């Protein structure tokens, strides 16, 4: 079993929250790292040592994510543009905190159409101004 770890440092927050929403997750979070942890404990940085991007949880239950790998070359050809998609991730949709340390999101738009309409459940924790999201791999 592998798991995906998304770590984001706190960037900014808002003060208005939807009723029943966990205010701890609301705000802009800058990606600090993203890696896959294998069963043997080995970590693989999927987007490099310093990925670029943000995840935003709005007070109204919207989630937006834009993520790119570090040091991506600027594409000059159509083939390079297509390859660049493999080093980026973007989704938008809705989310709801479903437990003390869990949320569920459903994406309405995504760079990868396979993600649209499928609910995903994530575990999260916030410690010292850092959001960590854990995704179990199938």
Protein backbone atom coordinates (compact mmCIF):
# COMPACT_ATOMS: atom_id res chain seq x y z
CA UNK A 1 0.00 0.00 0.00
CA UNK A 2 1.29 3.43 -0.91
CA UNK A 3 0.04 6.73 0.33
CA UNK A 4 0.32 10.21 -1.07
CA UNK A 5 1.30 12.99 1.32
CA UNK A 6 0.48 16.60 0.51
CA UNK A 7 2.01 19.11 2.86
CA UNK A 8 1.08 22.75 2.66
CA UNK A 9 2.28 25.64 4.76
CA UNK A 10 -0.30 28.18 5.87
CA UNK A 11 -0.39 31.13 3.50
CA UNK A 12 -3.49 33.13 4.46
CA UNK A 13 -6.89 32.61 5.94
CA UNK A 14 -10.33 34.12 6.08
CA UNK A 15 -12.55 34.78 9.07
CA UNK A 16 -16.05 34.03 7.69
CA UNK A 17 -17.11 30.39 7.90
CA UNK A 18 -20.11 28.47 6.66
CA UNK A 19 -22.30 27.06 9.41
CA UNK A 20 -20.99 23.72 10.64
CA UNK A 21 -17.71 24.08 8.73
CA UNK A 22 -14.37 23.39 10.37
CA UNK A 23 -12.57 26.76 10.23
CA UNK A 24 -9.15 25.16 10.66
CA UNK A 25 -8.97 23.99 7.04
CA UNK A 26 -10.39 27.17 5.46
CA UNK A 27 -7.88 29.40 3.66
CA UNK A 28 -5.05 29.42 1.13
CA UNK A 29 -2.35 26.81 1.69
CA UNK A 30 0.93 26.88 -0.23
CA UNK A 31 2.39 23.52 -1.21
CA UNK A 32 5.55 22.74 0.68
CA UNK A 33 5.99 19.15 -0.50
CA UNK A 34 4.14 16.31 -2.17
CA UNK A 35 5.45 12.80 -2.10
CA UNK A 36 4.50 9.16 -2.34
CA UNK A 37 5.47 7.01 0.60
CA UNK A 38 5.99 3.35 -0.22
CA UNK A 39 5.33 0.47 2.15
CA UNK A 40 9.05 0.26 2.99
CA UNK A 41 9.07 3.95 4.03
CA UNK A 42 10.81 5.20 0.89
CA UNK A 43 9.59 8.65 -0.20
CA UNK A 44 9.37 9.75 -3.83
CA UNK A 45 8.85 13.41 -4.64
CA UNK A 46 6.21 13.42 -7.36
CA UNK A 47 6.64 17.12 -8.18
CA UNK A 48 10.26 17.70 -7.12
CA UNK A 49 11.68 18.89 -3.81
CA UNK A 50 9.84 22.24 -3.99
CA UNK A 51 6.52 21.99 -5.86
CA UNK A 52 4.72 25.22 -6.76
CA UNK A 53 1.06 25.90 -6.15
CA UNK A 54 -1.79 26.31 -3.73
CA UNK A 55 -4.87 24.60 -2.42
CA UNK A 56 -7.73 26.84 -1.34
CA UNK A 57 -10.65 25.83 0.89
CA UNK A 58 -13.26 28.59 0.78
CA UNK A 59 -15.62 29.41 3.65
CA UNK A 60 -18.50 28.48 1.32
CA UNK A 61 -17.36 24.90 0.67
CA UNK A 62 -15.37 25.33 -2.56
CA UNK A 63 -11.92 23.82 -3.14
CA UNK A 64 -9.40 24.84 -5.79
CA UNK A 65 -5.97 23.32 -6.37
CA UNK A 66 -3.21 24.28 -8.79
CA UNK A 67 0.10 22.43 -8.53
CA UNK A 68 3.15 22.25 -10.78
CA UNK A 69 6.51 20.55 -10.45
CA UNK A 70 9.59 22.62 -9.75
CA UNK A 71 11.98 23.60 -12.53
CA UNK A 72 9.59 22.80 -15.38
CA UNK A 73 11.00 23.74 -18.76
CA UNK A 74 8.97 26.19 -20.82
CA UNK A 75 7.41 24.13 -23.63
CA UNK A 76 8.20 25.20 -27.17
CA UNK A 77 6.39 22.49 -29.14
CA UNK A 78 3.01 20.79 -28.94
CA UNK A 79 4.72 17.60 -27.75
CA UNK A 80 6.44 19.52 -24.94
CA UNK A 81 3.11 21.15 -23.97
CA UNK A 82 1.48 17.73 -23.77
CA UNK A 83 4.37 16.42 -21.66
CA UNK A 84 4.06 19.43 -19.33
CA UNK A 85 0.57 18.27 -18.35
CA UNK A 86 2.18 15.30 -16.59
CA UNK A 87 3.96 17.68 -14.22
CA UNK A 88 0.88 19.66 -13.24
CA UNK A 89 -2.38 19.11 -11.38
CA UNK A 90 -5.48 21.31 -11.27
CA UNK A 91 -8.98 20.70 -9.89
CA UNK A 92 -11.95 22.69 -8.63
CA UNK A 93 -15.14 21.60 -6.95
CA UNK A 94 -16.86 21.37 -3.61
CA UNK A 95 -15.75 20.00 -0.26
CA UNK A 96 -17.24 19.24 3.12
CA UNK A 97 -15.45 18.46 6.36
CA UNK A 98 -16.88 15.06 7.31
CA UNK A 99 -15.07 14.37 10.56
CA UNK A 100 -12.52 15.80 12.94
CA UNK A 101 -9.68 15.13 10.50
CA UNK A 102 -11.40 14.19 7.24
CA UNK A 103 -13.03 15.90 4.30
CA UNK A 104 -14.79 14.80 1.14
CA UNK A 105 -14.41 16.64 -2.19
CA UNK A 106 -16.17 16.29 -5.53
CA UNK A 107 -14.45 17.87 -8.51
CA UNK A 108 -16.50 19.69 -11.14
CA UNK A 109 -13.50 20.59 -13.32
CA UNK A 110 -10.07 19.02 -13.57
CA UNK A 111 -7.06 18.97 -15.86
CA UNK A 112 -7.60 15.18 -15.85
CA UNK A 113 -11.24 14.52 -16.81
CA UNK A 114 -11.06 11.14 -15.04
CA UNK A 115 -11.31 13.02 -11.73
CA UNK A 116 -14.54 14.89 -12.53
CA UNK A 117 -17.62 13.82 -10.59
CA UNK A 118 -15.92 11.21 -8.42
CA UNK A 119 -16.00 11.98 -4.70
CA UNK A 120 -12.67 11.65 -2.91
CA UNK A 121 -12.13 11.37 0.83
CA UNK A 122 -8.99 12.70 2.47
CA UNK A 123 -7.50 12.69 5.93
CA UNK A 124 -5.85 15.88 7.14
CA UNK A 125 -4.10 17.29 10.15
CA UNK A 126 -2.98 20.78 11.03
CA UNK A 127 0.03 21.28 13.26
CA UNK A 128 2.05 24.44 13.72
CA UNK A 129 0.41 26.24 10.82
CA UNK A 130 1.02 23.33 8.43
CA UNK A 131 -1.73 21.35 6.71
CA UNK A 132 -0.92 17.73 5.88
CA UNK A 133 -3.29 15.78 3.64
CA UNK A 134 -2.93 11.99 3.33
CA UNK A 135 -4.40 10.10 0.39
CA UNK A 136 -4.45 6.31 0.37
CA UNK A 137 -3.50 4.82 -3.01
CA UNK A 138 -5.50 2.00 -4.53
